[in-house]
Amino acid sequence: MNFQDKLILAIDFDGTIVEDAYPSIGKPKLFAFETLKRLQKEGHRLILWTYRSGKRLDEAVAFCNENGIEFYAVNKSFPEEQNDIEKSPKIHADLFIDDRNIGGFIGWGKIHQMLIDDTPLIETKVKKKGFLNWFK
């Protein structure tokens, strides 16, 4: 994926942007808002994709706004989308940033490296085999 292109990023709140203290709001994770601001500045669309709803969701959105982040959409693919039981609640995004990923949350420093510093998402190491090693 070419990160010069603009991405749609679905980002979890509790345990990802802030420390998990649900239903309260935890302290911001190290470099979370700095990285989100940079991603936004570069034109990537940020979607808040969280379990929170109602008053708790409003609190999370307000907290992010107070810290300089206004999301493109919240718990939907685009601002005008209407929730409908006939449609899947799954949203469209290029990447999902969540503390519940396999392997856990990698941290905002690593996300910054991968998305802003243009470091490959998956590091591949090619092990060179000599002729004799093929048969071991």
N, C-alpha and C. Protein backbone atom coordinates (compact mmCIF):
# COMPACT_ATOMS: atom_id res chain seq x y z
N MET A 1 0.85 -1.17 0.00
CA MET A 1 0.00 0.00 0.00
C MET A 1 0.90 1.24 0.00
N ASN A 2 0.62 2.17 -0.83
CA ASN A 2 1.40 3.40 -0.90
C ASN A 2 0.82 4.41 0.08
N PHE A 3 1.60 4.77 1.08
CA PHE A 3 1.09 5.66 2.11
C PHE A 3 1.11 7.12 1.68
N GLN A 4 1.51 7.38 0.44
CA GLN A 4 1.35 8.73 -0.10
C GLN A 4 -0.13 8.96 -0.39
N ASP A 5 -0.87 7.85 -0.62
CA ASP A 5 -2.31 7.93 -0.84
C ASP A 5 -2.97 8.25 0.49
N LYS A 6 -4.14 8.83 0.41
CA LYS A 6 -4.88 9.15 1.63
C LYS A 6 -5.64 7.91 2.09
N LEU A 7 -5.56 7.64 3.37
CA LEU A 7 -6.18 6.45 3.95
C LEU A 7 -7.40 6.82 4.77
N ILE A 8 -8.29 5.85 4.90
CA ILE A 8 -9.40 5.94 5.84
C ILE A 8 -9.01 5.05 7.01
N LEU A 9 -8.88 5.66 8.19
CA LEU A 9 -8.42 4.96 9.38
C LEU A 9 -9.53 4.89 10.42
N ALA A 10 -9.92 3.68 10.80
CA ALA A 10 -10.91 3.48 11.86
C ALA A 10 -10.13 3.27 13.15
N ILE A 11 -10.40 4.12 14.13
CA ILE A 11 -9.58 4.13 15.34
C ILE A 11 -10.46 3.94 16.58
N ASP A 12 -10.08 2.98 17.39
CA ASP A 12 -10.77 2.70 18.64
C ASP A 12 -10.41 3.79 19.66
N PHE A 13 -11.22 3.93 20.69
CA PHE A 13 -10.97 4.94 21.72
C PHE A 13 -10.33 4.34 22.97
N ASP A 14 -11.09 3.55 23.73
CA ASP A 14 -10.60 3.00 25.00
C ASP A 14 -9.50 1.97 24.76
N GLY A 15 -8.35 2.20 25.37
CA GLY A 15 -7.23 1.30 25.22
C GLY A 15 -6.37 1.59 23.99
N THR A 16 -6.81 2.54 23.17
CA THR A 16 -6.07 2.87 21.95
C THR A 16 -5.69 4.35 21.94
N ILE A 17 -6.67 5.24 21.96
CA ILE A 17 -6.37 6.67 22.04
C ILE A 17 -6.07 7.04 23.50
N VAL A 18 -6.84 6.45 24.40
CA VAL A 18 -6.64 6.68 25.84
C VAL A 18 -6.46 5.35 26.54
N GLU A 19 -5.90 5.38 27.73
CA GLU A 19 -5.80 4.17 28.54
C GLU A 19 -7.21 3.68 28.84
N ASP A 20 -7.38 2.38 28.92
CA ASP A 20 -8.71 1.81 29.14
C ASP A 20 -9.15 2.04 30.58
N ALA A 21 -10.15 2.88 30.75
CA ALA A 21 -10.72 3.16 32.06
C ALA A 21 -12.24 3.20 31.95
N TYR A 22 -12.79 2.55 30.93
CA TYR A 22 -14.22 2.59 30.66
C TYR A 22 -15.01 2.25 31.91
N PRO A 23 -16.05 2.97 32.25
CA PRO A 23 -16.75 3.99 31.48
C PRO A 23 -16.16 5.40 31.59
N SER A 24 -15.15 5.57 32.44
CA SER A 24 -14.47 6.86 32.52
C SER A 24 -13.55 7.02 31.31
N ILE A 25 -12.95 8.18 31.18
CA ILE A 25 -11.98 8.40 30.12
C ILE A 25 -10.59 8.36 30.72
N GLY A 26 -9.77 7.46 30.22
CA GLY A 26 -8.42 7.31 30.71
C GLY A 26 -7.50 8.42 30.22
N LYS A 27 -6.27 8.38 30.69
CA LYS A 27 -5.27 9.35 30.25
C LYS A 27 -4.91 9.06 28.80
N PRO A 28 -4.60 10.11 28.03
CA PRO A 28 -4.19 9.88 26.63
C PRO A 28 -2.96 8.99 26.56
N LYS A 29 -2.97 8.09 25.58
CA LYS A 29 -1.80 7.24 25.33
C LYS A 29 -0.68 8.11 24.78
N LEU A 30 0.54 7.73 25.08
CA LEU A 30 1.72 8.46 24.64
C LEU A 30 1.72 8.62 23.12
N PHE A 31 1.84 9.83 22.65
CA PHE A 31 1.89 10.22 21.24
C PHE A 31 0.59 10.03 20.47
N ALA A 32 -0.51 9.67 21.16
CA ALA A 32 -1.77 9.43 20.45
C ALA A 32 -2.25 10.68 19.72
N PHE A 33 -2.43 11.76 20.42
CA PHE A 33 -2.99 12.96 19.78
C PHE A 33 -2.00 13.61 18.83
N GLU A 34 -0.72 13.53 19.13
CA GLU A 34 0.28 14.08 18.20
C GLU A 34 0.23 13.33 16.86
N THR A 35 0.15 12.01 16.94
CA THR A 35 0.11 11.19 15.73
C THR A 35 -1.20 11.41 14.97
N LEU A 36 -2.32 11.44 15.69
CA LEU A 36 -3.61 11.67 15.03
C LEU A 36 -3.65 13.03 14.34
N LYS A 37 -3.12 14.04 14.99
CA LYS A 37 -3.09 15.38 14.37
C LYS A 37 -2.26 15.37 13.10
N ARG A 38 -1.13 14.68 13.15
CA ARG A 38 -0.26 14.61 11.97
C ARG A 38 -0.94 13.86 10.83
N LEU A 39 -1.59 12.76 11.15
CA LEU A 39 -2.32 11.99 10.13
C LEU A 39 -3.42 12.84 9.51
N GLN A 40 -4.12 13.58 10.34
CA GLN A 40 -5.19 14.45 9.85
C GLN A 40 -4.62 15.56 8.97
N LYS A 41 -3.52 16.14 9.41
CA LYS A 41 -2.88 17.21 8.65
C LYS A 41 -2.46 16.73 7.26
N GLU A 42 -2.06 15.47 7.17
CA GLU A 42 -1.63 14.89 5.89
C GLU A 42 -2.81 14.45 5.02
N GLY A 43 -4.03 14.65 5.51
CA GLY A 43 -5.21 14.39 4.68
C GLY A 43 -5.87 13.04 4.86
N HIS A 44 -5.41 12.25 5.82
CA HIS A 44 -6.06 10.96 6.06
C HIS A 44 -7.38 11.19 6.79
N ARG A 45 -8.38 10.37 6.48
CA ARG A 45 -9.69 10.47 7.14
C ARG A 45 -9.68 9.61 8.39
N LEU A 46 -10.01 10.22 9.51
CA LEU A 46 -10.04 9.50 10.78
C LEU A 46 -11.49 9.25 11.18
N ILE A 47 -11.79 7.99 11.45
CA ILE A 47 -13.12 7.60 11.92
C ILE A 47 -12.97 7.05 13.33
N LEU A 48 -13.76 7.58 14.25
CA LEU A 48 -13.78 7.01 15.60
C LEU A 48 -14.68 5.78 15.55
N TRP A 49 -14.11 4.61 15.85
CA TRP A 49 -14.83 3.34 15.78
C TRP A 49 -14.73 2.70 17.15
N THR A 50 -15.77 2.87 17.96
CA THR A 50 -15.71 2.50 19.36
C THR A 50 -16.98 1.81 19.82
N TYR A 51 -16.85 1.07 20.90
CA TYR A 51 -17.99 0.41 21.54
C TYR A 51 -18.91 1.43 22.21
N ARG A 52 -18.38 2.59 22.54
CA ARG A 52 -19.15 3.60 23.27
C ARG A 52 -20.37 4.05 22.47
N SER A 53 -21.42 4.41 23.22
CA SER A 53 -22.62 4.96 22.61
C SER A 53 -23.25 5.96 23.57
N GLY A 54 -24.22 6.72 23.08
CA GLY A 54 -24.95 7.66 23.91
C GLY A 54 -24.04 8.68 24.58
N LYS A 55 -24.29 8.90 25.88
CA LYS A 55 -23.54 9.89 26.65
C LYS A 55 -22.04 9.58 26.67
N ARG A 56 -21.68 8.31 26.81
CA ARG A 56 -20.27 7.91 26.88
C ARG A 56 -19.56 8.20 25.54
N LEU A 57 -20.26 8.02 24.44
CA LEU A 57 -19.70 8.34 23.14
C LEU A 57 -19.52 9.85 23.00
N ASP A 58 -20.52 10.61 23.41
CA ASP A 58 -20.43 12.08 23.37
C ASP A 58 -19.23 12.58 24.17
N GLU A 59 -18.99 11.96 25.33
CA GLU A 59 -17.84 12.34 26.16
C GLU A 59 -16.52 12.06 25.44
N ALA A 60 -16.44 10.92 24.78
CA ALA A 60 -15.21 10.57 24.06
C ALA A 60 -14.96 11.53 22.90
N VAL A 61 -16.01 11.85 22.14
CA VAL A 61 -15.88 12.77 21.01
C VAL A 61 -15.47 14.16 21.52
N ALA A 62 -16.09 14.61 22.60
CA ALA A 62 -15.74 15.92 23.18
C ALA A 62 -14.29 15.93 23.67
N PHE A 63 -13.84 14.85 24.29
CA PHE A 63 -12.46 14.75 24.77
C PHE A 63 -11.48 14.86 23.61
N CYS A 64 -11.78 14.18 22.52
CA CYS A 64 -10.92 14.25 21.33
C CYS A 64 -10.93 15.65 20.74
N ASN A 65 -12.10 16.27 20.67
CA ASN A 65 -12.19 17.65 20.16
C ASN A 65 -11.36 18.59 21.02
N GLU A 66 -11.42 18.43 22.34
CA GLU A 66 -10.63 19.27 23.25
C GLU A 66 -9.13 19.08 23.03
N ASN A 67 -8.76 17.93 22.51
CA ASN A 67 -7.35 17.63 22.25
C ASN A 67 -6.97 17.81 20.77
N GLY A 68 -7.82 18.51 20.03
CA GLY A 68 -7.49 18.90 18.66
C GLY A 68 -7.86 17.93 17.56
N ILE A 69 -8.67 16.92 17.86
CA ILE A 69 -9.06 15.95 16.84
C ILE A 69 -10.56 16.01 16.62
N GLU A 70 -10.93 16.26 15.36
CA GLU A 70 -12.33 16.19 14.95
C GLU A 70 -12.41 15.08 13.90
N PHE A 71 -13.20 14.07 14.18
CA PHE A 71 -13.27 12.91 13.31
C PHE A 71 -14.13 13.17 12.08
N TYR A 72 -13.75 12.51 10.99
CA TYR A 72 -14.53 12.56 9.75
C TYR A 72 -15.92 11.96 9.99
N ALA A 73 -15.96 10.87 10.73
CA ALA A 73 -17.21 10.20 11.08
C ALA A 73 -17.03 9.49 12.42
N VAL A 74 -18.15 9.18 13.05
CA VAL A 74 -18.12 8.48 14.33
C VAL A 74 -19.03 7.27 14.25
N ASN A 75 -18.44 6.10 14.41
CA ASN A 75 -19.16 4.81 14.37
C ASN A 75 -19.96 4.60 13.09
N LYS A 76 -19.48 5.16 11.99
CA LYS A 76 -20.06 4.93 10.67
C LYS A 76 -19.02 5.27 9.61
N SER A 77 -19.27 4.85 8.39
CA SER A 77 -18.30 5.03 7.31
C SER A 77 -18.17 6.46 6.82
N PHE A 78 -19.25 7.20 6.86
CA PHE A 78 -19.24 8.60 6.43
C PHE A 78 -20.28 9.36 7.23
N PRO A 79 -20.13 10.68 7.37
CA PRO A 79 -20.99 11.44 8.28
C PRO A 79 -22.49 11.29 8.03
N GLU A 80 -22.91 11.18 6.78
CA GLU A 80 -24.33 11.13 6.44
C GLU A 80 -24.95 9.75 6.55
N GLU A 81 -24.13 8.73 6.80
CA GLU A 81 -24.64 7.36 6.83
C GLU A 81 -25.69 7.20 7.92
N GLN A 82 -26.78 6.56 7.58
CA GLN A 82 -27.85 6.29 8.54
C GLN A 82 -27.74 4.84 8.99
N ASN A 83 -27.81 4.61 10.29
CA ASN A 83 -27.80 3.23 10.78
C ASN A 83 -29.11 2.56 10.37
N ASP A 84 -28.99 1.34 9.89
CA ASP A 84 -30.13 0.62 9.35
C ASP A 84 -29.94 -0.85 9.66
N ILE A 85 -30.94 -1.49 10.25
CA ILE A 85 -30.81 -2.90 10.60
C ILE A 85 -30.71 -3.80 9.37
N GLU A 86 -31.04 -3.26 8.20
CA GLU A 86 -30.94 -4.02 6.96
C GLU A 86 -29.51 -4.08 6.43
N LYS A 87 -28.63 -3.19 6.91
CA LYS A 87 -27.25 -3.14 6.45
C LYS A 87 -26.30 -3.60 7.55
N SER A 88 -25.16 -4.09 7.14
CA SER A 88 -24.14 -4.49 8.10
C SER A 88 -23.61 -3.27 8.84
N PRO A 89 -23.36 -3.41 10.13
CA PRO A 89 -22.79 -2.28 10.87
C PRO A 89 -21.28 -2.12 10.64
N LYS A 90 -20.69 -3.04 9.88
CA LYS A 90 -19.26 -2.94 9.61
C LYS A 90 -18.99 -1.71 8.76
N ILE A 91 -17.95 -0.98 9.11
CA ILE A 91 -17.64 0.24 8.36
C ILE A 91 -16.55 -0.03 7.34
N HIS A 92 -16.44 0.89 6.39
CA HIS A 92 -15.40 0.83 5.38
C HIS A 92 -14.19 1.62 5.89
N ALA A 93 -13.03 0.98 5.93
CA ALA A 93 -11.78 1.65 6.30
C ALA A 93 -10.63 0.89 5.66
N ASP A 94 -9.54 1.60 5.42
CA ASP A 94 -8.34 0.95 4.89
C ASP A 94 -7.59 0.22 5.99
N LEU A 95 -7.57 0.81 7.18
CA LEU A 95 -6.87 0.21 8.32
C LEU A 95 -7.69 0.44 9.59
N PHE A 96 -7.61 -0.52 10.50
CA PHE A 96 -8.25 -0.41 11.80
C PHE A 96 -7.15 -0.37 12.85
N ILE A 97 -7.19 0.64 13.70
CA ILE A 97 -6.19 0.78 14.77
C ILE A 97 -6.93 0.52 16.08
N ASP A 98 -6.55 -0.57 16.76
CA ASP A 98 -7.33 -1.03 17.91
C ASP A 98 -6.42 -1.79 18.86
N ASP A 99 -6.69 -1.68 20.16
CA ASP A 99 -5.88 -2.42 21.14
C ASP A 99 -6.23 -3.90 21.17
N ARG A 100 -7.27 -4.30 20.47
CA ARG A 100 -7.69 -5.70 20.46
C ARG A 100 -7.17 -6.45 19.23
N ASN A 101 -6.22 -5.87 18.53
CA ASN A 101 -5.61 -6.55 17.39
C ASN A 101 -4.87 -7.80 17.86
N ILE A 102 -4.68 -8.73 16.96
CA ILE A 102 -3.84 -9.88 17.30
C ILE A 102 -2.45 -9.34 17.60
N GLY A 103 -1.91 -9.70 18.72
CA GLY A 103 -0.61 -9.19 19.12
C GLY A 103 -0.70 -7.95 19.98
N GLY A 104 -1.91 -7.39 20.15
CA GLY A 104 -2.10 -6.22 21.00
C GLY A 104 -1.81 -4.91 20.30
N PHE A 105 -1.92 -3.85 21.04
CA PHE A 105 -1.71 -2.50 20.50
C PHE A 105 -0.21 -2.24 20.37
N ILE A 106 0.22 -1.82 19.19
CA ILE A 106 1.65 -1.65 18.93
C ILE A 106 2.21 -0.32 19.41
N GLY A 107 1.35 0.61 19.79
CA GLY A 107 1.80 1.91 20.28
C GLY A 107 1.81 2.95 19.18
N TRP A 108 1.60 4.20 19.58
CA TRP A 108 1.49 5.30 18.61
C TRP A 108 2.83 5.63 17.97
N GLY A 109 3.95 5.36 18.65
CA GLY A 109 5.25 5.59 18.04
C GLY A 109 5.45 4.70 16.82
N LYS A 110 5.08 3.44 16.96
CA LYS A 110 5.19 2.49 15.84
C LYS A 110 4.20 2.85 14.72
N ILE A 111 2.99 3.25 15.10
CA ILE A 111 2.01 3.66 14.09
C ILE A 111 2.53 4.87 13.33
N HIS A 112 3.13 5.82 14.04
CA HIS A 112 3.72 7.00 13.39
C HIS A 112 4.77 6.57 12.39
N GLN A 113 5.64 5.65 12.79
CA GLN A 113 6.69 5.16 11.88
C GLN A 113 6.08 4.51 10.64
N MET A 114 5.05 3.72 10.84
CA MET A 114 4.47 2.97 9.74
C MET A 114 3.67 3.84 8.77
N LEU A 115 2.92 4.80 9.29
CA LEU A 115 2.03 5.57 8.44
C LEU A 115 2.58 6.93 8.02
N ILE A 116 3.44 7.49 8.82
CA ILE A 116 3.95 8.82 8.51
C ILE A 116 5.38 8.76 8.00
N ASP A 117 6.20 7.94 8.63
CA ASP A 117 7.60 7.84 8.22
C ASP A 117 7.79 6.88 7.05
N ASP A 118 6.67 6.33 6.53
CA ASP A 118 6.68 5.46 5.35
C ASP A 118 7.47 4.18 5.56
N THR A 119 7.46 3.65 6.79
CA THR A 119 8.07 2.36 7.08
C THR A 119 7.08 1.28 6.65
N PRO A 120 7.52 0.20 6.05
CA PRO A 120 6.59 -0.85 5.61
C PRO A 120 5.75 -1.38 6.77
N LEU A 121 4.48 -1.70 6.49
CA LEU A 121 3.60 -2.26 7.51
C LEU A 121 4.09 -3.62 7.98
N ILE A 122 4.55 -4.43 7.08
CA ILE A 122 5.02 -5.76 7.44
C ILE A 122 6.49 -5.85 7.05
N GLU A 123 7.31 -6.06 8.04
CA GLU A 123 8.74 -6.22 7.75
C GLU A 123 8.95 -7.64 7.25
N THR A 124 9.55 -7.74 6.10
CA THR A 124 9.83 -9.07 5.56
C THR A 124 11.33 -9.28 5.54
N LYS A 125 11.73 -10.39 6.04
CA LYS A 125 13.14 -10.74 6.04
C LYS A 125 13.31 -11.95 5.14
N VAL A 126 14.13 -11.82 4.16
CA VAL A 126 14.37 -12.92 3.24
C VAL A 126 15.60 -13.65 3.72
N LYS A 127 15.41 -14.91 4.04
CA LYS A 127 16.53 -15.73 4.48
C LYS A 127 17.12 -16.38 3.24
N LYS A 128 18.36 -16.09 2.99
CA LYS A 128 19.02 -16.69 1.84
C LYS A 128 19.52 -18.07 2.22
N LYS A 129 19.22 -19.00 1.35
CA LYS A 129 19.67 -20.37 1.59
C LYS A 129 20.74 -20.72 0.58
N GLY A 130 21.78 -21.31 1.07
CA GLY A 130 22.80 -21.85 0.19
C GLY A 130 22.31 -23.19 -0.35
N PHE A 131 22.99 -23.70 -1.32
CA PHE A 131 22.59 -24.95 -1.95
C PHE A 131 22.42 -26.08 -0.93
N LEU A 132 23.36 -26.21 -0.03
CA LEU A 132 23.30 -27.31 0.93
C LEU A 132 22.20 -27.14 1.96
N ASN A 133 21.77 -25.90 2.25
CA ASN A 133 20.74 -25.65 3.24
C ASN A 133 19.34 -26.05 2.76
N TRP A 134 19.14 -26.23 1.48
CA TRP A 134 17.83 -26.61 0.96
C TRP A 134 17.40 -27.99 1.45
N PHE A 135 18.34 -28.79 1.81
CA PHE A 135 18.01 -30.17 2.14
C PHE A 135 18.02 -30.43 3.65
N LYS A 136 18.17 -29.41 4.44
CA LYS A 136 18.21 -29.60 5.90
C LYS A 136 16.82 -29.60 6.47
